[in-house]
């Protein structure tokens, strides 16, 4: 009963209900949350109708419960009071407060504490712009030399060094404006801004074809729409496929996605890429949610690729109408051989009407598995094999863990992933280096549909000596199919067992 009431209070403070339910599984942590909410509820009664009350109370209090070490509970009440009264407003202030409190041995020196936490310090947007302009001026020659290869995101670190308490959201917004409008390249030698943009763009594309692609550039209309719809200036996502338990390698990806968003006062989605009903189940979905919470992260929202099945189907139909997709009857082996040799499918040049009819038959369940697939019509002679007419949809007469038997055609990862990124207005789509080869097809598809293109960045995989950190290899070596929770497996489920 007390858990239900605690859940109600935490949700009313602005926390995601799924995050709250996962948090309350741990009785000790639930007790700590109850202590904090009891204090905050009393305090909020006195500030509820004042201008000092703030909407981000819940996430900040959750951070206190997560980060404040055992043995420092005596500081919980004053810290909660500062948050509820709106004096501590950001994650960074909470972290600095806890850092300061760890070194306190006697009574709390209020003035020293407030200075350490930046309480009362307000950094205006005008001040942020001034510092950014100073940094750009100091690095003018380097920027001219590097062009758009220059790492504009590093400006955030430089601004934070000078204006420690500047809002990460404000700084990120200003840097985004600089990046999109090419402010570092404004006229300095009489050339027009447009000429400089176009010249720099051509240099950028010719020198870095593997990373900078024409199809990756958003139009001004798409950028305006994105800025209007994106909930925060920095939006990331952690996108596991729920076909097994997470392993230690996933922890690195998880940390990268969540901390990138947190450092910029942005948000991170937990999105399940549930596009293959053969291997996915609710067991893995719940396990992954618990792992995310266990590692201390709170997603802004939990979503699923299956949430967008209607939109994905609509986009597939649109591509057929644009003659950029076709129904193919080659077997999996024949497609693999043709892609390796660069030879076209005999069904590649069907009419739009015929393709629409066949795709509708697939959707209605009148096509057997492996009898037909929908392929993207790109370039069978392309140097990148991922661009040789990849499969977009396949028939699977299987029950999906969330949508049941509503669908019998399912999008592939390559088709669904980039579109879901776009629909959720992800600003930074981060993945490991083995996905770099898919960058071309990622942007080709978004460009073909003329929808928003996120910024893609790859990072290295986590490797540990004498350990296998590949889900496919781990599943192959596991004594039980898809069970990575046994003691010798480097999975998060195993680590939780050992810790407990």
Protein backbone atom coordinates (compact mmCIF):
# COMPACT_ATOMS: atom_id res chain seq x y z
CA UNK A 1 0.00 0.00 0.00
CA UNK A 2 2.79 2.40 0.94
CA UNK A 3 4.52 1.70 -2.40
CA UNK A 4 1.39 2.70 -4.34
CA UNK A 5 1.20 5.99 -2.43
CA UNK A 6 4.92 6.61 -2.89
CA UNK A 7 4.59 5.93 -6.62
CA UNK A 8 1.74 8.45 -6.84
CA UNK A 9 3.78 11.14 -5.06
CA UNK A 10 6.91 10.55 -7.18
CA UNK A 11 4.95 10.69 -10.43
CA UNK A 12 3.28 13.92 -9.26
CA UNK A 13 6.78 15.35 -8.76
CA UNK A 14 7.56 14.79 -12.44
CA UNK A 15 9.20 11.35 -12.55
CA UNK A 16 8.39 8.82 -15.26
CA UNK A 17 6.04 6.12 -13.94
CA UNK A 18 8.10 3.26 -15.40
CA UNK A 19 11.26 4.63 -13.76
CA UNK A 20 9.44 4.89 -10.45
CA UNK A 21 8.10 1.32 -10.57
CA UNK A 22 11.54 -0.07 -11.39
CA UNK A 23 13.08 1.99 -8.57
CA UNK A 24 10.60 0.67 -6.00
CA UNK A 25 11.66 -2.92 -6.68
CA UNK A 26 14.70 -2.28 -4.47
CA UNK A 27 13.31 -1.98 -0.92
CA UNK A 28 16.36 -0.15 0.46
CA UNK A 29 16.32 2.43 -2.33
CA UNK A 30 12.53 2.75 -2.01
CA UNK A 31 13.00 3.59 1.67
CA UNK A 32 15.44 6.33 0.80
CA UNK A 33 13.04 7.75 -1.79
CA UNK A 34 10.25 7.69 0.79
CA UNK A 35 12.39 9.68 3.25
CA UNK A 36 13.16 12.33 0.62
CA UNK A 37 9.56 12.63 -0.60
CA UNK A 38 8.27 12.95 2.98
CA UNK A 39 10.60 15.91 3.50
CA UNK A 40 9.79 17.45 0.11
CA UNK A 41 6.02 17.09 0.60
CA UNK A 42 6.16 19.09 3.84
CA UNK A 43 8.34 21.74 2.24
CA UNK A 44 6.29 22.00 -0.95
CA UNK A 45 3.18 22.88 1.03
CA UNK A 46 4.81 26.19 1.94
CA UNK A 47 6.21 27.00 -1.51
CA UNK A 48 3.56 25.51 -3.81
CA UNK A 49 1.98 28.89 -4.55
CA UNK A 50 5.20 30.89 -4.77
CA UNK A 51 7.49 31.64 -7.70
CA UNK A 52 10.31 29.72 -6.05
CA UNK A 53 8.73 26.30 -6.66
CA UNK A 54 10.18 24.56 -9.72
CA UNK A 55 8.92 21.82 -12.06
CA UNK A 56 12.11 19.67 -12.07
CA UNK A 57 11.85 18.74 -8.39
CA UNK A 58 11.27 15.01 -9.03
CA UNK A 59 14.33 14.28 -11.23
CA UNK A 60 16.61 16.29 -8.93
CA UNK A 61 15.36 14.52 -5.80
CA UNK A 62 15.80 11.19 -7.57
CA UNK A 63 19.39 12.17 -8.30
CA UNK A 64 19.94 12.94 -4.60
CA UNK A 65 18.56 9.51 -3.66
CA UNK A 66 20.85 7.89 -6.23
CA UNK A 67 24.07 9.84 -5.63
CA UNK A 68 24.13 10.77 -1.92
CA UNK A 69 26.41 8.17 -0.25
CA UNK A 70 25.35 6.03 2.68
CA UNK A 71 26.16 7.73 5.97
CA UNK A 72 25.36 11.24 4.75
CA UNK A 73 21.61 11.11 5.41
CA UNK A 74 21.92 14.04 7.84
CA UNK A 75 22.35 16.31 4.82
CA UNK A 76 19.28 14.97 3.03
CA UNK A 77 16.82 17.46 4.53
CA UNK A 78 18.76 20.69 3.83
CA UNK A 79 19.63 19.49 0.34
CA UNK A 80 15.98 18.64 -0.36
CA UNK A 81 14.96 22.06 0.95
CA UNK A 82 17.30 23.83 -1.47
CA UNK A 83 15.81 21.84 -4.36
CA UNK A 84 12.16 22.31 -3.42
CA UNK A 85 12.65 26.05 -2.87
CA UNK A 86 14.20 26.41 -6.31
CA UNK A 87 17.67 27.40 -5.16
CA UNK A 88 19.23 24.26 -6.64
CA UNK A 89 17.89 23.93 -10.18
CA UNK A 90 20.25 21.74 -12.21
CA UNK A 91 21.88 18.31 -12.14
CA UNK A 92 25.28 19.95 -11.97
CA UNK A 93 24.32 21.89 -8.84
CA UNK A 94 23.14 18.65 -7.20
CA UNK A 95 26.44 16.95 -8.06
CA UNK A 96 28.50 19.89 -6.74
CA UNK A 97 26.38 19.97 -3.57
CA UNK A 98 26.97 16.26 -2.89
CA UNK A 99 30.66 16.67 -3.69
CA UNK A 100 30.88 19.49 -1.15
CA UNK A 101 28.86 17.64 1.50
CA UNK A 102 31.18 14.63 1.27
CA UNK A 103 33.96 16.82 2.66
CA UNK A 104 31.93 18.34 5.49
CA UNK A 105 32.92 16.97 8.90
CA UNK A 106 31.24 19.41 11.27
CA UNK A 107 28.32 21.78 10.88
CA UNK A 108 27.27 23.11 7.48
CA UNK A 109 28.71 26.50 6.52
CA UNK A 110 25.75 27.89 4.58
CA UNK A 111 27.66 30.62 2.73
CA UNK A 112 30.45 28.27 1.70
CA UNK A 113 27.94 25.61 0.64
CA UNK A 114 25.95 28.05 -1.52
CA UNK A 115 29.11 29.32 -3.19
CA UNK A 116 30.16 25.75 -3.95
CA UNK A 117 26.78 25.03 -5.53
CA UNK A 118 26.47 28.26 -7.49
CA UNK A 119 23.28 29.22 -5.68
CA UNK A 120 22.10 32.66 -6.72
CA UNK A 121 24.41 32.76 -9.74
CA UNK A 122 22.47 33.53 -12.91
CA UNK A 123 24.31 33.38 -16.23
CA UNK A 124 22.35 35.12 -18.98
CA UNK A 125 22.14 34.08 -22.62
CA UNK A 126 23.86 37.35 -23.48
CA UNK A 127 26.86 36.36 -21.37
CA UNK A 128 26.98 32.94 -23.04
CA UNK A 129 26.93 34.54 -26.50
CA UNK A 130 29.71 36.95 -25.50
CA UNK A 131 31.99 34.15 -24.27
CA UNK A 132 31.24 32.03 -27.36
CA UNK A 133 32.15 34.93 -29.64
CA UNK A 134 35.41 35.43 -27.72
CA UNK A 135 36.26 31.73 -28.10
CA UNK A 136 35.42 31.79 -31.81
CA UNK A 137 37.57 34.88 -32.33
CA UNK A 138 40.50 33.29 -30.50
CA UNK A 139 40.20 30.16 -32.67
CA UNK A 140 39.40 31.96 -35.93
CA UNK A 141 42.44 30.72 -37.83
CA UNK A 142 42.02 27.14 -36.67
CA UNK A 143 38.35 27.18 -37.69
CA UNK A 144 39.18 28.56 -41.14
CA UNK A 145 41.79 25.88 -41.63
CA UNK A 146 39.66 23.00 -40.36
CA UNK A 147 36.35 24.20 -41.80
CA UNK A 148 33.41 22.07 -40.77
CA UNK A 149 35.80 19.42 -39.57
CA UNK A 150 36.24 21.72 -36.58
CA UNK A 151 34.63 20.19 -33.50
CA UNK A 152 32.02 22.81 -32.61
CA UNK A 153 30.72 20.67 -29.74
CA UNK A 154 34.05 21.22 -27.94
CA UNK A 155 32.97 24.85 -27.50
CA UNK A 156 30.62 23.70 -24.74
CA UNK A 157 33.58 22.58 -22.65
CA UNK A 158 35.35 25.90 -23.22
CA UNK A 159 32.25 27.89 -22.24
CA UNK A 160 31.77 25.80 -19.11
CA UNK A 161 35.39 26.47 -18.09
CA UNK A 162 34.66 30.21 -18.10
CA UNK A 163 31.00 30.15 -17.05
CA UNK A 164 30.71 27.15 -14.77
CA UNK A 165 27.06 27.78 -13.91
CA UNK A 166 25.82 28.55 -17.38
CA UNK A 167 22.81 26.47 -18.35
CA UNK A 168 23.94 23.50 -20.43
CA UNK A 169 20.71 23.82 -22.40
CA UNK A 170 21.39 27.47 -23.26
CA UNK A 171 24.99 26.76 -24.25
CA UNK A 172 23.95 23.79 -26.43
CA UNK A 173 21.26 25.91 -28.15
CA UNK A 174 23.74 28.68 -28.96
CA UNK A 175 26.31 26.19 -30.29
CA UNK A 176 23.62 24.56 -32.42
CA UNK A 177 22.78 27.96 -33.92
CA UNK A 178 26.46 28.50 -34.71
CA UNK A 179 26.78 25.08 -36.34
CA UNK A 180 23.65 25.37 -38.46
CA UNK A 181 24.18 28.95 -39.61
CA UNK A 182 27.92 28.63 -40.24
CA UNK A 183 28.68 31.58 -37.97
CA UNK A 184 32.40 30.72 -37.71
CA UNK A 185 32.58 31.19 -41.49
CA UNK A 186 30.92 34.61 -41.72
CA UNK A 187 32.35 37.02 -44.25
CA UNK A 188 35.91 38.05 -43.41
CA UNK A 189 37.37 38.70 -46.88
CA UNK A 190 34.55 40.18 -48.93
CA UNK A 191 33.01 36.89 -50.08
CA UNK A 192 29.28 36.36 -49.56
CA UNK A 193 28.14 34.12 -46.73
CA UNK A 194 26.39 31.83 -49.23
CA UNK A 195 29.55 31.45 -51.31
CA UNK A 196 31.56 30.58 -48.23
CA UNK A 197 28.95 28.03 -47.17
CA UNK A 198 28.86 26.33 -50.56
CA UNK A 199 32.63 26.33 -50.98
CA UNK A 200 33.15 24.96 -47.51
CA UNK A 201 30.42 22.37 -48.02
CA UNK A 202 32.09 21.09 -51.20
CA UNK A 203 35.49 20.90 -49.47
CA UNK A 204 33.89 19.11 -46.54
CA UNK A 205 32.24 16.52 -48.75
CA UNK A 206 35.24 15.89 -50.97
CA UNK A 207 37.70 15.48 -48.12
CA UNK A 208 35.53 13.37 -45.85
CA UNK A 209 33.18 11.30 -48.04
CA UNK A 210 32.91 8.46 -45.50
CA UNK A 211 31.49 10.72 -42.81
CA UNK A 212 30.09 13.85 -44.45
CA UNK A 213 27.43 13.00 -47.02
CA UNK A 214 25.24 15.32 -49.09
CA UNK A 215 22.19 13.34 -47.96
CA UNK A 216 23.01 14.15 -44.31
CA UNK A 217 22.36 17.86 -44.70
CA UNK A 218 18.99 19.14 -43.47
CA UNK A 219 17.13 21.82 -45.39
CA UNK A 220 16.30 25.04 -43.57
CA UNK A 221 12.62 24.02 -43.46
CA UNK A 222 13.50 20.70 -41.80
CA UNK A 223 15.70 22.48 -39.26
CA UNK A 224 12.98 24.98 -38.39
CA UNK A 225 10.49 22.13 -37.95
CA UNK A 226 12.99 20.15 -35.86
CA UNK A 227 13.71 23.08 -33.52
CA UNK A 228 9.98 23.53 -33.00
CA UNK A 229 9.28 19.87 -32.25
CA UNK A 230 12.45 18.69 -30.48
CA UNK A 231 11.77 18.64 -26.71
CA UNK A 232 15.38 19.61 -25.83
CA UNK A 233 18.44 20.89 -27.76
CA UNK A 234 20.23 17.56 -27.17
CA UNK A 235 18.24 14.35 -27.53
CA UNK A 236 19.87 10.90 -27.52
CA UNK A 237 18.60 7.33 -27.30
CA UNK A 238 19.77 3.97 -25.98
CA UNK A 239 18.27 1.48 -28.50
CA UNK A 240 18.75 -2.19 -27.46
CA UNK A 241 17.07 -5.04 -29.29
CA UNK A 242 15.04 -7.10 -26.75
CA UNK A 243 16.29 -10.47 -27.96
CA UNK A 244 18.50 -11.31 -24.97
CA UNK A 245 19.97 -9.99 -21.73
CA UNK A 246 22.36 -7.04 -21.82
CA UNK A 247 26.10 -7.66 -21.46
CA UNK A 248 28.89 -5.42 -20.17
CA UNK A 249 29.48 -3.96 -23.63
CA UNK A 250 25.98 -2.50 -23.56
CA UNK A 251 26.89 -0.63 -20.36
CA UNK A 252 29.39 1.50 -22.28
CA UNK A 253 26.82 2.39 -24.95
CA UNK A 254 24.26 3.11 -22.25
CA UNK A 255 26.63 5.42 -20.39
CA UNK A 256 27.62 7.21 -23.60
CA UNK A 257 24.00 7.93 -24.58
CA UNK A 258 22.73 8.93 -21.14
CA UNK A 259 25.70 11.03 -19.99
CA UNK A 260 25.96 12.89 -23.31
CA UNK A 261 22.38 14.03 -22.81
CA UNK A 262 22.86 14.73 -19.10
CA UNK A 263 26.01 16.82 -19.63
CA UNK A 264 24.07 19.06 -22.02
CA UNK A 265 20.94 19.10 -19.84
CA UNK A 266 19.17 17.19 -22.59
CA UNK A 267 17.22 13.94 -22.53
CA UNK A 268 17.76 10.31 -23.46
CA UNK A 269 15.09 7.88 -24.66
CA UNK A 270 15.16 4.16 -23.94
CA UNK A 271 13.94 2.75 -27.24
CA UNK A 272 13.51 -0.95 -27.90
CA UNK A 273 14.19 -1.94 -31.53
CA UNK A 274 11.56 -4.68 -31.47
CA UNK A 275 11.31 -5.42 -35.20
CA UNK A 276 11.90 -9.21 -35.10
CA UNK A 277 9.11 -11.14 -33.31
CA UNK A 278 10.98 -14.45 -33.70
CA UNK A 279 13.61 -13.63 -31.07
CA UNK A 280 12.07 -10.96 -28.83
CA UNK A 281 10.01 -11.29 -25.65
CA UNK A 282 8.66 -9.25 -22.73
CA UNK A 283 11.13 -11.07 -20.46
CA UNK A 284 14.05 -9.31 -22.12
CA UNK A 285 12.21 -5.98 -22.22
CA UNK A 286 11.63 -6.03 -18.45
CA UNK A 287 15.20 -7.23 -17.81
CA UNK A 288 16.68 -4.37 -19.85
CA UNK A 289 14.50 -1.81 -18.05
CA UNK A 290 15.78 -3.13 -14.71
CA UNK A 291 19.40 -3.04 -15.93
CA UNK A 292 19.05 0.61 -16.97
CA UNK A 293 17.68 1.50 -13.54
CA UNK A 294 20.29 -0.65 -11.78
CA UNK A 295 23.05 1.33 -13.49
CA UNK A 296 21.50 4.58 -12.24
CA UNK A 297 19.88 5.98 -15.40
CA UNK A 298 16.38 7.39 -15.77
CA UNK A 299 15.11 7.58 -19.38
CA UNK A 300 13.06 10.59 -20.40
CA UNK A 301 10.65 8.16 -22.02
CA UNK A 302 10.54 4.46 -22.95
CA UNK A 303 9.50 3.85 -26.53
CA UNK A 304 9.42 0.96 -29.01
CA UNK A 305 10.00 0.68 -32.74
CA UNK A 306 6.61 -1.07 -32.74
CA UNK A 307 5.04 2.23 -31.61
CA UNK A 308 5.76 3.46 -35.13
CA UNK A 309 4.70 0.44 -37.21
CA UNK A 310 1.87 2.39 -38.86
CA UNK A 311 4.19 5.28 -39.77
CA UNK A 312 6.89 2.89 -41.00
CA UNK A 313 4.40 1.10 -43.23
CA UNK A 314 3.24 4.46 -44.60
CA UNK A 315 6.81 5.44 -45.41
CA UNK A 316 7.34 2.11 -47.22
CA UNK A 317 4.28 2.78 -49.40
CA UNK A 318 5.59 6.30 -50.09
CA UNK A 319 8.93 4.89 -51.27
CA UNK A 320 7.15 2.48 -53.63
CA UNK A 321 5.17 5.39 -55.10
CA UNK A 322 8.44 7.29 -55.60
CA UNK A 323 9.89 4.22 -57.38
CA UNK A 324 12.50 3.86 -54.63
CA UNK A 325 11.34 0.43 -53.39
CA UNK A 326 10.15 -2.79 -55.00
CA UNK A 327 8.88 -6.27 -54.09
CA UNK A 328 11.46 -8.98 -54.78
CA UNK A 329 10.96 -12.76 -54.89
CA UNK A 330 14.60 -13.83 -54.70
CA UNK A 331 15.54 -16.14 -51.84
CA UNK A 332 17.83 -14.97 -49.05
CA UNK A 333 20.75 -16.85 -50.63
CA UNK A 334 20.04 -15.39 -54.09
CA UNK A 335 19.86 -11.85 -52.69
CA UNK A 336 23.16 -12.33 -50.86
CA UNK A 337 24.87 -13.64 -54.00
CA UNK A 338 23.43 -10.88 -56.21
CA UNK A 339 24.52 -8.17 -53.77
CA UNK A 340 28.03 -9.63 -53.63
CA UNK A 341 28.21 -9.68 -57.45
CA UNK A 342 26.38 -6.39 -57.94
CA UNK A 343 23.68 -7.88 -60.18
CA UNK A 344 20.12 -6.57 -60.23
CA UNK A 345 17.02 -8.50 -59.20
CA UNK A 346 14.83 -9.61 -62.13
CA UNK A 347 11.91 -7.88 -60.34
CA UNK A 348 13.73 -4.57 -59.79
CA UNK A 349 11.89 -2.63 -62.50
CA UNK A 350 8.30 -3.59 -61.76
CA UNK A 351 5.64 -0.90 -62.11
CA UNK A 352 4.52 1.13 -59.10
CA UNK A 353 1.01 -0.36 -59.30
CA UNK A 354 2.29 -3.93 -59.30
CA UNK A 355 4.60 -3.28 -56.35
CA UNK A 356 1.81 -1.61 -54.36
CA UNK A 357 -0.49 -4.58 -54.99
CA UNK A 358 2.14 -7.16 -54.00
CA UNK A 359 3.10 -5.22 -50.88
CA UNK A 360 -0.56 -5.05 -49.87
CA UNK A 361 -0.78 -8.83 -50.31
CA UNK A 362 2.22 -9.18 -48.00
CA UNK A 363 0.54 -6.96 -45.40
CA UNK A 364 -2.72 -8.93 -45.55
CA UNK A 365 -0.92 -12.20 -44.81
CA UNK A 366 -1.45 -13.71 -48.25
CA UNK A 367 2.29 -14.20 -48.83
CA UNK A 368 4.29 -17.02 -47.29
CA UNK A 369 7.47 -16.37 -45.33
CA UNK A 370 10.54 -15.98 -47.58
CA UNK A 371 8.28 -15.81 -50.65
CA UNK A 372 8.74 -12.06 -51.04
CA UNK A 373 10.48 -9.07 -49.44
CA UNK A 374 10.39 -5.32 -49.99
CA UNK A 375 13.77 -3.94 -51.03
CA UNK A 376 15.03 -0.37 -51.31
CA UNK A 377 15.98 0.62 -54.84
CA UNK A 378 19.38 2.26 -54.37
CA UNK A 379 22.43 1.18 -56.40
CA UNK A 380 23.52 -2.42 -56.99
CA UNK A 381 26.94 -1.22 -58.21
CA UNK A 382 27.67 0.93 -55.15
CA UNK A 383 31.07 0.46 -53.51
CA UNK A 384 29.35 0.14 -50.14
CA UNK A 385 27.52 -3.24 -50.03
CA UNK A 386 24.96 -1.78 -47.61
CA UNK A 387 23.71 0.39 -50.48
CA UNK A 388 22.99 -2.57 -52.79
CA UNK A 389 19.21 -2.66 -52.48
CA UNK A 390 18.89 -3.70 -48.80
CA UNK A 391 15.74 -5.42 -47.55
CA UNK A 392 13.24 -3.06 -45.91
CA UNK A 393 10.34 -5.41 -45.05
CA UNK A 394 9.96 -9.18 -44.72
CA UNK A 395 7.07 -11.54 -43.99
CA UNK A 396 7.00 -13.20 -40.56
CA UNK A 397 3.85 -15.02 -39.45
CA UNK A 398 4.85 -14.78 -35.80
CA UNK A 399 3.20 -13.23 -32.75
CA UNK A 400 4.86 -10.00 -31.68
CA UNK A 401 5.35 -9.51 -27.88
CA UNK A 402 3.58 -6.12 -28.01
CA UNK A 403 1.44 -5.95 -31.14
CA UNK A 404 0.32 -9.60 -31.11
CA UNK A 405 -0.84 -10.83 -34.53
CA UNK A 406 -1.80 -7.40 -35.90
CA UNK A 407 1.14 -7.42 -38.31
CA UNK A 408 2.67 -10.16 -40.41
CA UNK A 409 5.25 -7.94 -42.15
CA UNK A 410 8.03 -6.38 -40.14
CA UNK A 411 10.60 -3.68 -40.98
CA UNK A 412 14.29 -4.51 -40.85
CA UNK A 413 16.65 -2.78 -38.45
CA UNK A 414 18.19 -0.71 -41.28
CA UNK A 415 14.78 0.55 -42.34
CA UNK A 416 13.24 1.21 -38.93
CA UNK A 417 16.20 2.54 -36.94
CA UNK A 418 16.92 5.75 -38.84
CA UNK A 419 13.23 6.60 -39.29
CA UNK A 420 12.56 6.15 -35.55
CA UNK A 421 15.54 8.42 -34.82
CA UNK A 422 13.99 11.04 -37.09
CA UNK A 423 10.45 10.70 -35.69
CA UNK A 424 11.76 11.13 -32.13
CA UNK A 425 13.89 14.12 -33.23
CA UNK A 426 17.08 12.55 -31.94
CA UNK A 427 19.86 15.14 -32.28
CA UNK A 428 22.80 12.77 -31.74
CA UNK A 429 22.45 9.18 -32.97
CA UNK A 430 25.40 7.35 -31.41
CA UNK A 431 26.43 3.77 -32.20
CA UNK A 432 29.53 1.59 -32.28
CA UNK A 433 32.03 1.61 -35.14
CA UNK A 434 30.80 -1.52 -36.90
CA UNK A 435 27.70 0.50 -37.88
CA UNK A 436 29.73 3.15 -39.69
CA UNK A 437 29.29 1.32 -42.99
CA UNK A 438 25.51 1.79 -42.62
CA UNK A 439 25.82 5.59 -42.51
CA UNK A 440 25.27 5.84 -46.29
CA UNK A 441 22.00 3.88 -46.26
CA UNK A 442 20.88 5.66 -43.05
CA UNK A 443 21.01 9.06 -44.73
CA UNK A 444 19.87 7.81 -48.16
CA UNK A 445 16.60 6.65 -46.66
CA UNK A 446 15.93 9.86 -44.68
CA UNK A 447 16.82 11.92 -47.73
CA UNK A 448 14.49 9.85 -49.95
CA UNK A 449 11.64 10.49 -47.50
CA UNK A 450 12.71 14.12 -46.98
CA UNK A 451 12.47 13.93 -43.19
CA UNK A 452 14.77 15.25 -40.47
CA UNK A 453 18.32 13.81 -40.41
CA UNK A 454 19.98 13.39 -36.96
CA UNK A 455 23.72 13.80 -36.48
CA UNK A 456 25.34 10.34 -36.51
CA UNK A 457 28.49 9.52 -34.57
CA UNK A 458 30.26 6.22 -34.01
CA UNK A 459 32.40 5.25 -31.02
CA UNK A 460 34.59 2.23 -30.35
CA UNK A 461 33.21 -0.98 -28.87
CA UNK A 462 34.15 -2.07 -25.38
CA UNK A 463 36.59 -4.98 -25.37
CA UNK A 464 37.87 -6.84 -22.30
CA UNK A 465 40.80 -9.22 -22.54
CA UNK A 466 39.85 -12.91 -22.40
CA UNK A 467 36.13 -12.06 -22.64
CA UNK A 468 33.63 -12.21 -25.48
CA UNK A 469 31.46 -9.09 -25.72
CA UNK A 470 29.33 -9.89 -28.75
CA UNK A 471 25.70 -10.84 -28.13
CA UNK A 472 25.61 -13.28 -31.04
CA UNK A 473 28.77 -15.04 -29.81
CA UNK A 474 27.56 -15.05 -26.22
CA UNK A 475 24.24 -16.59 -27.22
CA UNK A 476 26.11 -19.26 -29.16
CA UNK A 477 28.31 -20.16 -26.17
CA UNK A 478 25.57 -19.88 -23.52
CA UNK A 479 24.50 -23.24 -22.04
CA UNK A 480 20.86 -22.15 -22.34
CA UNK A 481 19.58 -20.40 -25.50
CA UNK A 482 19.44 -16.63 -25.00
CA UNK A 483 20.21 -16.96 -21.27
CA UNK A 484 23.20 -14.82 -20.36
CA UNK A 485 22.51 -14.78 -16.64
CA UNK A 486 24.70 -17.75 -15.75
CA UNK A 487 27.70 -17.02 -13.53
CA UNK A 488 30.39 -17.29 -16.20
CA UNK A 489 28.75 -14.89 -18.64
CA UNK A 490 29.87 -11.20 -18.81
CA UNK A 491 26.29 -9.95 -18.65
CA UNK A 492 24.63 -7.36 -16.44
CA UNK A 493 22.26 -10.05 -15.12
CA UNK A 494 25.26 -12.09 -14.00
CA UNK A 495 26.90 -9.05 -12.35
CA UNK A 496 23.71 -8.26 -10.44
CA UNK A 497 23.58 -11.86 -9.17
CA UNK A 498 27.20 -11.68 -8.00
CA UNK A 499 26.65 -8.32 -6.30
CA UNK A 500 23.57 -9.57 -4.49
